[in-house]
Amino acid sequence: MTRAATRIGVMFSETGPYSVVTRSMLNGARLAFSEFAEQGMVALEPVVVDPGGDLRRYSELAAGLLGDGIRHVVACYTSSSRKEVIPLFEKHDALLWYPSHYEGFESSDNVIYTGASPNQHILPLIDHLIRAVGRCGFCVGSNYIWAWENNRILREGLNARGGRLIAERYLPVGETDVGKVVAEIVAARPDFVFSTLIGDSAYQFFRDFRAACAAAGIDQIRQIPVASCSLSEPELEAIGPAAVDGHLSASVYFSSLDTAESRGFVARYAAAFPDGPAVSADAEASYIAVRLLGEALAAVGDDGVPAVKAAVSGLRILAPQGPVWIDPETCHAHLTPRIGRSNAAARFDVLAEAAAPVAPDPYLVRTAPRFALATRAPGLRVV
């Protein structure tokens, strides 16, 4: 008798202020589902819902999926949406598979984290900025926990290395009136800008900041580069050609990686989704989440949460970025940190990367920036 397909919830915003990224995440998940269907390893039925970037809808839709008996949901981009739904997963004893880089300082028995932890993105970026750019920064971010916590980590890391932050400024998610903060940065002349803006706010900021620097006679790329832990290929395309190049991004995956696994992933993604958005680290993280979930379900034979969690902690997959596995203590992934710089083709040139996957440290108990960042952050080699 053929076993019935296991229903898997999938919840990403196909509309709203950060949908450029979340549509790529949805595509990454869909690609993994299609591969399982072709391979016949396990029968999965994705149940896709769209919160539209509305925080209230995340809770409503998650409650509907879980109330309908679904026990595994691949979902969420923003930390605010993740925080909103975790109590529901804990109540229903279900698993949220969270495929996004994030600020850390969280661990739930009901979440598997397949995106980068802070020691896998922000700490390597701090080290690169100090070594190659400068010690004086200016932070601008979207007004929620992702920006607050990453800016705190940056501030501590700079202070530990003798650097400083001139200021931190926050804008509502989706705000595109960025003129005041742009003018303030141009007047302050920091060594770099650290952006934790997301979605439409970020794209407008990059365009307006490049134009304002040009008007002031500043070579923005060389004199005040913008660094980020979230900038990805679909967003480069959204920024547009006038301001696309020269930005630094810390990530665990760039689509320009020249490996067989990455080239194959990019080719399969492009064939499946010719209209985009472009493949990205966010798409890869959701692809990884579904691959790990599917392989765990195949190994266990049912969707029971304790058994699936036990199975996934013993899995290793060769992802587009390289080897990936889940740490059983923290339920976060071992991933490979990298630093990239955007180019005119709306892709990234990889500047540096770790020699091997780095263990997750979501609470920074082993790699806290206030304690000897230079020697305890993941070491990156120049590419």
Protein backbone atom coordinates (compact mmCIF):
# COMPACT_ATOMS: atom_id res chain seq x y z
CA MET A 1 0.00 0.00 0.00
CA THR A 2 1.33 3.45 -0.94
CA ARG A 3 1.76 5.71 2.07
CA ALA A 4 -0.19 8.97 1.92
CA ALA A 5 1.84 12.10 1.33
CA THR A 6 2.92 14.04 4.42
CA ARG A 7 1.51 17.55 4.35
CA ILE A 8 4.12 20.25 4.99
CA GLY A 9 3.17 23.85 5.69
CA VAL A 10 5.00 26.54 3.73
CA MET A 11 4.51 30.16 4.77
CA PHE A 12 6.33 32.98 2.98
CA SER A 13 5.07 36.38 1.87
CA GLU A 14 4.57 36.50 -1.87
CA THR A 15 3.52 40.14 -1.52
CA GLY A 16 4.49 42.98 0.81
CA PRO A 17 7.56 45.15 1.51
CA TYR A 18 10.15 42.33 1.57
CA SER A 19 8.57 39.93 -0.92
CA VAL A 20 11.57 40.07 -3.29
CA VAL A 21 13.46 37.95 -0.76
CA THR A 22 10.59 35.79 0.47
CA ARG A 23 9.52 34.81 -3.03
CA SER A 24 13.05 33.47 -3.57
CA MET A 25 12.70 31.54 -0.30
CA LEU A 26 9.42 30.05 -1.49
CA ASN A 27 11.09 29.07 -4.76
CA GLY A 28 13.94 27.37 -2.91
CA ALA A 29 11.45 25.30 -0.91
CA ARG A 30 9.46 24.44 -4.04
CA LEU A 31 12.61 23.27 -5.80
CA ALA A 32 13.38 20.84 -2.97
CA PHE A 33 9.78 19.55 -2.98
CA SER A 34 9.99 18.94 -6.74
CA GLU A 35 13.26 17.05 -6.33
CA PHE A 36 11.73 14.72 -3.74
CA ALA A 37 8.78 14.14 -6.10
CA GLU A 38 11.16 13.23 -8.93
CA GLN A 39 13.31 10.97 -6.75
CA GLY A 40 10.41 9.18 -5.13
CA MET A 41 12.27 9.07 -1.80
CA VAL A 42 9.36 10.38 0.23
CA ALA A 43 5.89 11.72 -0.59
CA LEU A 44 5.45 15.34 0.50
CA GLU A 45 2.49 17.63 -0.10
CA PRO A 46 3.32 21.34 0.36
CA VAL A 47 0.47 23.45 1.73
CA VAL A 48 1.40 27.02 0.79
CA VAL A 49 -0.03 30.11 2.47
CA ASP A 50 0.83 33.79 1.96
CA PRO A 51 0.87 36.22 4.93
CA GLY A 52 1.48 39.17 2.60
CA GLY A 53 4.04 40.73 4.96
CA ASP A 54 1.30 41.34 7.57
CA LEU A 55 2.53 40.32 11.02
CA ARG A 56 -0.97 39.45 12.23
CA ARG A 57 -1.53 37.10 9.32
CA TYR A 58 1.48 34.98 10.28
CA SER A 59 -0.21 33.96 13.53
CA GLU A 60 -3.57 33.40 11.88
CA LEU A 61 -2.18 31.27 9.08
CA ALA A 62 0.18 29.32 11.33
CA ALA A 63 -2.73 28.56 13.69
CA GLY A 64 -4.75 27.33 10.73
CA LEU A 65 -1.99 25.02 9.48
CA LEU A 66 -1.30 23.57 12.91
CA GLY A 67 -4.96 23.27 13.77
CA ASP A 68 -5.43 21.25 10.57
CA GLY A 69 -2.97 18.64 11.82
CA ILE A 70 0.17 19.79 10.01
CA ARG A 71 3.22 19.19 12.22
CA HIS A 72 6.06 20.69 10.16
CA VAL A 73 6.07 24.19 8.64
CA VAL A 74 8.87 25.82 6.65
CA ALA A 75 8.27 29.49 7.24
CA CYS A 76 9.22 33.08 8.01
CA TYR A 77 11.87 35.55 6.94
CA THR A 78 11.73 38.31 9.54
CA SER A 79 12.52 37.78 13.20
CA SER A 80 9.29 39.52 14.17
CA SER A 81 7.24 36.94 12.26
CA ARG A 82 9.26 34.10 13.78
CA LYS A 83 8.75 35.46 17.29
CA GLU A 84 5.05 35.83 16.55
CA VAL A 85 4.49 32.17 15.65
CA ILE A 86 6.87 30.25 17.95
CA PRO A 87 4.36 30.12 20.87
CA LEU A 88 1.90 28.39 18.54
CA PHE A 89 4.44 25.74 17.58
CA GLU A 90 5.25 25.17 21.23
CA LYS A 91 1.55 24.89 22.07
CA HIS A 92 0.92 22.33 19.32
CA ASP A 93 4.28 20.57 19.76
CA ALA A 94 5.04 21.09 16.08
CA LEU A 95 8.28 22.06 14.33
CA LEU A 96 9.00 25.39 12.66
CA TRP A 97 11.78 25.06 10.09
CA TYR A 98 13.18 28.59 10.04
CA PRO A 99 15.34 29.24 6.95
CA SER A 100 16.74 32.72 7.48
CA HIS A 101 19.91 34.30 8.82
CA TYR A 102 19.02 35.94 12.11
CA GLU A 103 20.30 37.79 15.16
CA GLY A 104 20.57 34.80 17.50
CA PHE A 105 19.91 34.78 21.25
CA GLU A 106 17.13 32.25 20.87
CA SER A 107 16.68 28.51 21.09
CA SER A 108 13.40 26.63 21.00
CA ASP A 109 12.76 22.90 21.12
CA ASN A 110 10.19 23.52 18.41
CA VAL A 111 12.42 25.28 15.86
CA ILE A 112 15.07 23.98 13.45
CA TYR A 113 17.24 26.90 12.29
CA THR A 114 18.81 26.43 8.84
CA GLY A 115 19.92 30.05 8.33
CA ALA A 116 23.08 31.67 9.67
CA SER A 117 23.60 32.42 13.37
CA PRO A 118 25.36 35.65 14.42
CA ASN A 119 28.78 34.00 14.72
CA GLN A 120 28.38 32.84 11.11
CA HIS A 121 27.67 36.27 9.61
CA ILE A 122 28.04 39.36 11.81
CA LEU A 123 31.28 38.36 13.54
CA PRO A 124 33.14 37.55 10.31
CA LEU A 125 31.85 40.84 8.88
CA ILE A 126 33.13 42.84 11.87
CA ASP A 127 36.52 41.22 11.47
CA HIS A 128 36.58 42.08 7.75
CA LEU A 129 35.50 45.68 8.30
CA ILE A 130 38.17 46.28 10.93
CA ARG A 131 40.87 44.66 8.82
CA ALA A 132 39.99 46.02 5.39
CA VAL A 133 37.71 49.06 5.72
CA GLY A 134 37.93 51.05 8.96
CA ARG A 135 36.90 51.31 12.60
CA CYS A 136 34.22 53.99 12.50
CA GLY A 137 30.69 52.95 11.53
CA PHE A 138 27.17 54.31 11.19
CA CYS A 139 24.18 51.95 11.62
CA VAL A 140 20.86 52.30 9.83
CA GLY A 141 18.19 49.64 10.16
CA SER A 142 14.56 48.64 10.09
CA ASN A 143 12.93 49.14 13.46
CA TYR A 144 12.65 45.62 14.83
CA ILE A 145 14.69 42.98 16.63
CA TRP A 146 16.91 41.94 13.69
CA ALA A 147 18.40 45.43 13.44
CA TRP A 148 18.53 46.12 17.17
CA GLU A 149 20.46 42.97 18.02
CA ASN A 150 22.84 43.01 15.06
CA ASN A 151 23.70 46.63 15.74
CA ARG A 152 24.36 45.77 19.38
CA ILE A 153 26.73 42.98 18.35
CA LEU A 154 28.47 45.30 15.89
CA ARG A 155 28.83 47.98 18.54
CA GLU A 156 30.37 45.55 21.02
CA GLY A 157 32.68 44.12 18.36
CA LEU A 158 33.91 47.55 17.30
CA ASN A 159 34.42 48.65 20.89
CA ALA A 160 36.44 45.51 21.61
CA ARG A 161 38.72 46.38 18.69
CA GLY A 162 39.13 50.07 19.45
CA GLY A 163 36.48 51.21 16.98
CA ARG A 164 33.26 53.12 17.47
CA LEU A 165 29.76 53.75 16.16
CA ILE A 166 28.85 57.34 15.31
CA ALA A 167 25.10 56.68 15.52
CA GLU A 168 22.25 54.22 15.07
CA ARG A 169 19.13 55.21 13.18
CA TYR A 170 15.95 53.16 12.65
CA LEU A 171 13.13 53.39 10.12
CA PRO A 172 9.76 51.59 10.05
CA VAL A 173 9.70 48.45 7.91
CA GLY A 174 8.81 49.52 4.38
CA GLU A 175 9.67 53.22 4.93
CA THR A 176 11.17 54.75 1.77
CA ASP A 177 11.60 58.36 2.91
CA VAL A 178 15.28 57.97 3.77
CA GLY A 179 16.55 61.44 2.88
CA LYS A 180 17.19 62.63 6.43
CA VAL A 181 19.31 59.65 7.47
CA VAL A 182 21.20 59.74 4.16
CA ALA A 183 22.07 63.41 4.72
CA GLU A 184 23.19 62.64 8.26
CA ILE A 185 25.52 59.88 7.10
CA VAL A 186 27.03 62.03 4.34
CA ALA A 187 27.72 64.76 6.86
CA ALA A 188 29.23 62.34 9.40
CA ARG A 189 31.62 60.68 6.89
CA PRO A 190 31.99 57.29 8.66
CA ASP A 191 34.39 54.64 7.38
CA PHE A 192 31.41 52.44 6.56
CA VAL A 193 27.64 52.12 6.90
CA PHE A 194 26.18 48.97 8.44
CA SER A 195 22.70 48.44 7.01
CA THR A 196 20.08 46.27 8.65
CA LEU A 197 17.32 47.74 6.53
CA ILE A 198 15.12 45.20 4.79
CA GLY A 199 12.99 45.21 1.67
CA ASP A 200 11.87 48.43 0.00
CA SER A 201 13.55 50.54 2.69
CA ALA A 202 16.94 49.03 1.87
CA TYR A 203 16.61 49.38 -1.90
CA GLN A 204 15.66 53.06 -1.64
CA PHE A 205 18.48 53.69 0.81
CA PHE A 206 21.13 52.23 -1.49
CA ARG A 207 19.89 54.34 -4.41
CA ASP A 208 19.57 57.59 -2.48
CA PHE A 209 22.85 57.14 -0.60
CA ARG A 210 24.82 56.55 -3.81
CA ALA A 211 23.24 59.63 -5.40
CA ALA A 212 23.84 61.83 -2.34
CA CYS A 213 27.48 60.79 -2.14
CA ALA A 214 27.99 61.54 -5.81
CA ALA A 215 26.45 64.98 -5.35
CA ALA A 216 28.84 65.63 -2.45
CA GLY A 217 31.89 64.53 -4.45
CA ILE A 218 32.28 61.31 -2.42
CA ASP A 219 33.32 58.04 -4.04
CA GLN A 220 30.79 56.03 -2.06
CA ILE A 221 32.17 52.58 -2.89
CA ARG A 222 35.71 53.44 -1.85
CA GLN A 223 35.11 56.02 0.87
CA ILE A 224 31.87 54.94 2.62
CA PRO A 225 31.01 51.36 1.60
CA VAL A 226 27.75 49.85 2.82
CA ALA A 227 27.98 46.50 4.59
CA SER A 228 25.13 44.13 5.42
CA CYS A 229 24.35 40.66 6.74
CA SER A 230 21.24 40.31 4.61
CA LEU A 231 21.89 41.77 1.16
CA SER A 232 21.27 39.11 -1.51
CA GLU A 233 21.13 38.72 -5.28
CA PRO A 234 17.37 39.39 -5.73
CA GLU A 235 17.79 42.60 -3.77
CA LEU A 236 20.71 43.72 -5.93
CA GLU A 237 18.40 43.41 -8.92
CA ALA A 238 15.76 45.43 -7.05
CA ILE A 239 18.25 48.20 -6.25
CA GLY A 240 18.93 48.73 -9.94
CA PRO A 241 22.06 49.36 -12.02
CA ALA A 242 22.80 52.89 -10.78
CA ALA A 243 23.69 51.71 -7.25
CA VAL A 244 24.12 47.94 -7.44
CA ASP A 245 27.87 47.50 -7.13
CA GLY A 246 30.46 47.76 -4.35
CA HIS A 247 28.37 46.65 -1.36
CA LEU A 248 29.71 44.16 1.19
CA SER A 249 27.59 41.25 2.36
CA ALA A 250 28.29 38.55 4.95
CA SER A 251 26.53 35.31 4.10
CA VAL A 252 26.95 31.55 3.99
CA TYR A 253 26.06 31.27 0.31
CA PHE A 254 26.44 33.30 -2.87
CA SER A 255 25.14 32.04 -6.21
CA SER A 256 28.53 32.80 -7.79
CA LEU A 257 30.26 29.98 -5.86
CA ASP A 258 32.15 27.97 -8.45
CA THR A 259 31.45 24.45 -7.24
CA ALA A 260 29.57 21.61 -8.89
CA GLU A 261 26.88 21.69 -6.18
CA SER A 262 26.32 25.43 -6.51
CA ARG A 263 26.35 25.44 -10.30
CA GLY A 264 23.83 22.60 -10.35
CA PHE A 265 21.58 24.34 -7.83
CA VAL A 266 21.65 27.62 -9.76
CA ALA A 267 20.88 25.83 -13.04
CA ARG A 268 17.97 23.84 -11.58
CA TYR A 269 16.56 26.95 -9.89
CA ALA A 270 16.81 29.03 -13.07
CA ALA A 271 15.10 26.31 -15.09
CA ALA A 272 12.28 25.99 -12.56
CA PHE A 273 11.79 29.72 -11.99
CA PRO A 274 12.85 31.61 -15.12
CA ASP A 275 10.97 34.72 -13.99
CA GLY A 276 12.93 34.86 -10.71
CA PRO A 277 13.59 36.23 -8.20
CA ALA A 278 17.26 35.30 -8.47
CA VAL A 279 18.66 32.48 -6.38
CA SER A 280 20.09 33.60 -3.03
CA ALA A 281 21.28 32.47 0.39
CA ASP A 282 17.68 32.78 1.56
CA ALA A 283 16.50 30.46 -1.22
CA GLU A 284 19.29 28.04 -0.36
CA ALA A 285 18.34 28.05 3.35
CA SER A 286 14.72 27.13 2.57
CA TYR A 287 15.94 24.50 0.10
CA ILE A 288 18.15 23.06 2.86
CA ALA A 289 15.24 23.08 5.32
CA VAL A 290 13.03 21.03 3.01
CA ARG A 291 15.88 18.66 2.07
CA LEU A 292 16.69 17.96 5.71
CA LEU A 293 13.03 17.61 6.63
CA GLY A 294 12.31 15.26 3.73
CA GLU A 295 15.31 13.05 4.43
CA ALA A 296 14.42 12.89 8.13
CA LEU A 297 10.83 11.92 7.30
CA ALA A 298 12.08 9.24 4.91
CA ALA A 299 14.35 7.83 7.61
CA VAL A 300 11.66 7.83 10.31
CA GLY A 301 8.62 6.81 8.30
CA ASP A 302 6.20 9.25 9.96
CA ASP A 303 6.03 12.92 10.95
CA GLY A 304 6.34 12.56 14.73
CA VAL A 305 8.30 15.52 16.05
CA PRO A 306 10.62 13.70 18.53
CA ALA A 307 11.59 11.09 15.96
CA VAL A 308 12.13 13.65 13.18
CA LYS A 309 14.30 15.81 15.45
CA ALA A 310 16.39 12.80 16.41
CA ALA A 311 16.78 11.80 12.77
CA VAL A 312 17.70 15.24 11.48
CA SER A 313 20.47 15.65 14.05
CA GLY A 314 22.21 12.65 12.47
CA LEU A 315 21.95 13.84 8.87
CA ARG A 316 24.61 15.53 6.77
CA ILE A 317 23.82 16.89 3.34
CA LEU A 318 26.00 18.37 0.61
CA ALA A 319 24.18 21.65 0.08
CA PRO A 320 24.97 24.26 -2.60
CA GLN A 321 27.20 26.06 -0.06
CA GLY A 322 28.95 22.83 1.01
CA PRO A 323 28.42 20.36 3.87
CA VAL A 324 25.57 21.24 6.24
CA TRP A 325 24.31 19.51 9.36
CA ILE A 326 22.22 20.36 12.42
CA ASP A 327 23.77 20.74 15.86
CA PRO A 328 21.65 18.58 18.20
CA GLU A 329 22.28 20.84 21.20
CA THR A 330 21.08 24.11 19.66
CA CYS A 331 19.02 22.89 16.63
CA HIS A 332 21.02 25.36 14.50
CA ALA A 333 23.02 24.49 11.38
CA HIS A 334 26.76 24.17 10.82
CA LEU A 335 27.36 26.57 7.90
CA THR A 336 30.30 28.13 6.01
CA PRO A 337 30.74 31.92 6.50
CA ARG A 338 31.71 34.04 3.50
CA ILE A 339 32.19 37.71 2.61
CA GLY A 340 31.09 38.97 -0.80
CA ARG A 341 31.15 42.27 -2.67
CA SER A 342 28.42 43.09 -5.17
CA ASN A 343 29.27 43.75 -8.79
CA ALA A 344 27.59 45.44 -11.76
CA ALA A 345 26.01 42.13 -12.84
CA ALA A 346 23.95 42.08 -9.62
CA ARG A 347 25.94 39.17 -8.25
CA PHE A 348 28.68 38.85 -5.63
CA ASP A 349 32.42 38.37 -5.94
CA VAL A 350 33.50 36.18 -3.02
CA LEU A 351 36.30 37.93 -1.12
CA ALA A 352 36.84 35.51 1.75
CA GLU A 353 35.45 32.30 3.19
CA ALA A 354 35.94 29.92 6.08
CA ALA A 355 37.93 26.80 5.36
CA ALA A 356 35.16 24.55 6.73
CA PRO A 357 31.66 24.76 8.17
CA VAL A 358 31.50 26.65 11.47
CA ALA A 359 29.54 25.38 14.47
CA PRO A 360 26.55 27.58 15.36
CA ASP A 361 26.84 29.76 18.46
CA PRO A 362 23.44 31.48 18.67
CA TYR A 363 24.04 32.96 22.12
CA LEU A 364 27.67 33.94 21.39
CA VAL A 365 28.81 32.12 24.51
CA ARG A 366 31.97 30.97 22.75
CA THR A 367 32.48 33.87 20.36
CA ALA A 368 31.10 36.92 22.22
CA PRO A 369 32.48 40.04 20.48
CA ARG A 370 33.28 41.68 23.79
CA PHE A 371 35.79 38.90 24.47
CA ALA A 372 38.73 38.72 22.04
CA LEU A 373 36.81 38.84 18.78
CA ALA A 374 39.97 38.76 16.71
CA THR A 375 41.00 35.31 17.83
CA ARG A 376 37.64 33.66 18.43
CA ALA A 377 35.58 34.65 15.40
CA PRO A 378 35.54 32.17 12.47
CA GLY A 379 38.73 32.57 10.49
CA LEU A 380 38.17 33.51 6.85
CA ARG A 381 40.67 32.90 4.09
CA VAL A 382 41.04 35.35 1.22
CA VAL A 383 39.59 33.99 -2.01
